[in-house]
Amino acid sequence: MNLSRTDLAVETAEALPTGRDIFAPGTGVTKSECLLCGCPVTRIHVHTPAGARAIGKPEGRYITIDLRPALSRQEAGSRADGTEPSSAPR
C-alpha cells in the first residue's frame, strides 16, 4: 500500500535550495522532531508572512507523522493468510 503525499510542509522545506536554512532564527519558520511510538514526528510552525513566502505554505502548524515503522511492524506480525499469530498455544 502506497500512502505517499507530496504536499507536506516537511517535504517542501527539504526541497529548498541547499545552503539556505529556512529554520534559522528570525526566518519565521520553526521545526521540531521527535519519536512517538517509534514513528518519526516532524512539526513545522510557519509564524510570519515572510516565513510563509519562504516555505511556500500559508502561516500555520504542520505535523507530519511517518507511519512506515508502525506499518512494517504490523505487517511483520501478520500471517500470509491474513490472520494474526496467537501469543500462546491453545
Protein backbone atom coordinates (compact mmCIF):
# COMPACT_ATOMS: atom_id res chain seq x y z
CA MET A 1 0.00 0.00 0.00
CA ASN A 2 1.47 3.37 -1.01
CA LEU A 3 0.26 6.27 1.13
CA SER A 4 2.78 8.85 -0.10
CA ARG A 5 1.80 12.50 -0.38
CA THR A 6 3.75 15.30 -1.99
CA ASP A 7 2.22 18.43 -0.45
CA LEU A 8 3.78 18.09 3.01
CA ALA A 9 5.46 21.12 4.56
CA VAL A 10 8.43 19.00 5.62
CA GLU A 11 8.99 17.89 2.00
CA THR A 12 8.66 21.48 0.79
CA ALA A 13 11.30 22.62 3.29
CA GLU A 14 13.64 19.78 2.30
CA ALA A 15 13.31 20.71 -1.38
CA LEU A 16 14.54 24.28 -0.87
CA PRO A 17 17.97 25.10 -2.30
CA THR A 18 20.85 23.84 -0.18
CA GLY A 19 22.76 26.40 1.84
CA ARG A 20 19.54 28.13 2.82
CA ASP A 21 18.49 27.39 6.41
CA ILE A 22 14.76 28.05 6.42
CA PHE A 23 14.65 27.18 10.13
CA ALA A 24 17.31 29.69 11.26
CA PRO A 25 16.25 32.15 13.97
CA GLY A 26 14.34 35.08 12.54
CA THR A 27 13.04 33.28 9.45
CA GLY A 28 9.52 32.88 10.83
CA VAL A 29 9.63 29.09 10.47
CA THR A 30 10.49 26.61 13.23
CA LYS A 31 10.88 22.84 13.13
CA SER A 32 10.90 20.20 15.86
CA GLU A 33 11.28 16.45 15.58
CA CYS A 34 10.57 13.58 17.96
CA LEU A 35 9.60 9.90 18.05
CA LEU A 36 6.11 8.82 19.04
CA CYS A 37 5.61 5.06 19.44
CA GLY A 38 8.69 4.54 17.28
CA CYS A 39 7.38 6.75 14.45
CA PRO A 40 9.16 9.98 13.47
CA VAL A 41 7.03 13.10 14.03
CA THR A 42 8.00 16.42 12.45
CA ARG A 43 6.29 19.66 13.45
CA ILE A 44 6.74 22.80 11.37
CA HIS A 45 5.29 26.12 12.50
CA VAL A 46 5.11 28.97 10.00
CA HIS A 47 4.87 32.05 12.24
CA THR A 48 5.02 35.01 9.86
CA PRO A 49 4.06 36.12 6.34
CA ALA A 50 7.78 36.17 5.47
CA GLY A 51 8.10 32.57 6.65
CA ALA A 52 5.05 31.65 4.57
CA ARG A 53 6.64 33.15 1.47
CA ALA A 54 9.96 31.42 2.18
CA ILE A 55 8.45 27.95 2.54
CA GLY A 56 5.60 28.39 0.09
CA LYS A 57 2.91 27.42 2.60
CA PRO A 58 0.34 29.55 4.47
CA GLU A 59 1.01 30.50 8.07
CA GLY A 60 0.07 27.72 10.43
CA ARG A 61 1.20 24.49 12.04
CA TYR A 62 2.06 21.41 10.01
CA ILE A 63 2.55 17.96 11.50
CA THR A 64 3.97 15.01 9.58
CA ILE A 65 3.87 11.54 11.11
CA ASP A 66 5.82 8.85 9.27
CA LEU A 67 3.86 5.66 9.91
CA ARG A 68 6.14 3.37 7.90
CA PRO A 69 7.82 1.91 11.05
CA ALA A 70 4.43 1.04 12.58
CA LEU A 71 3.14 -0.42 9.31
CA SER A 72 6.29 -2.53 8.96
CA ARG A 73 5.82 -3.87 12.49
CA GLN A 74 2.16 -4.60 11.76
CA GLU A 75 2.97 -6.41 8.50
CA ALA A 76 5.72 -8.43 10.20
CA GLY A 77 3.20 -9.58 12.82
CA SER A 78 0.60 -10.74 10.30
CA ARG A 79 0.49 -14.17 8.68
CA ALA A 80 0.31 -14.69 4.96
CA ASP A 81 -3.33 -15.83 5.32
CA GLY A 82 -4.24 -12.52 6.98
CA THR A 83 -4.69 -13.91 10.49
CA GLU A 84 -2.75 -12.69 13.49
CA PRO A 85 -0.36 -15.14 15.12
CA SER A 86 -1.53 -16.26 18.55
CA SER A 87 0.61 -15.31 21.52
CA ALA A 88 0.07 -18.62 23.31
CA PRO A 89 -0.80 -22.12 22.10
CA ARG A 90 -4.36 -23.24 22.82
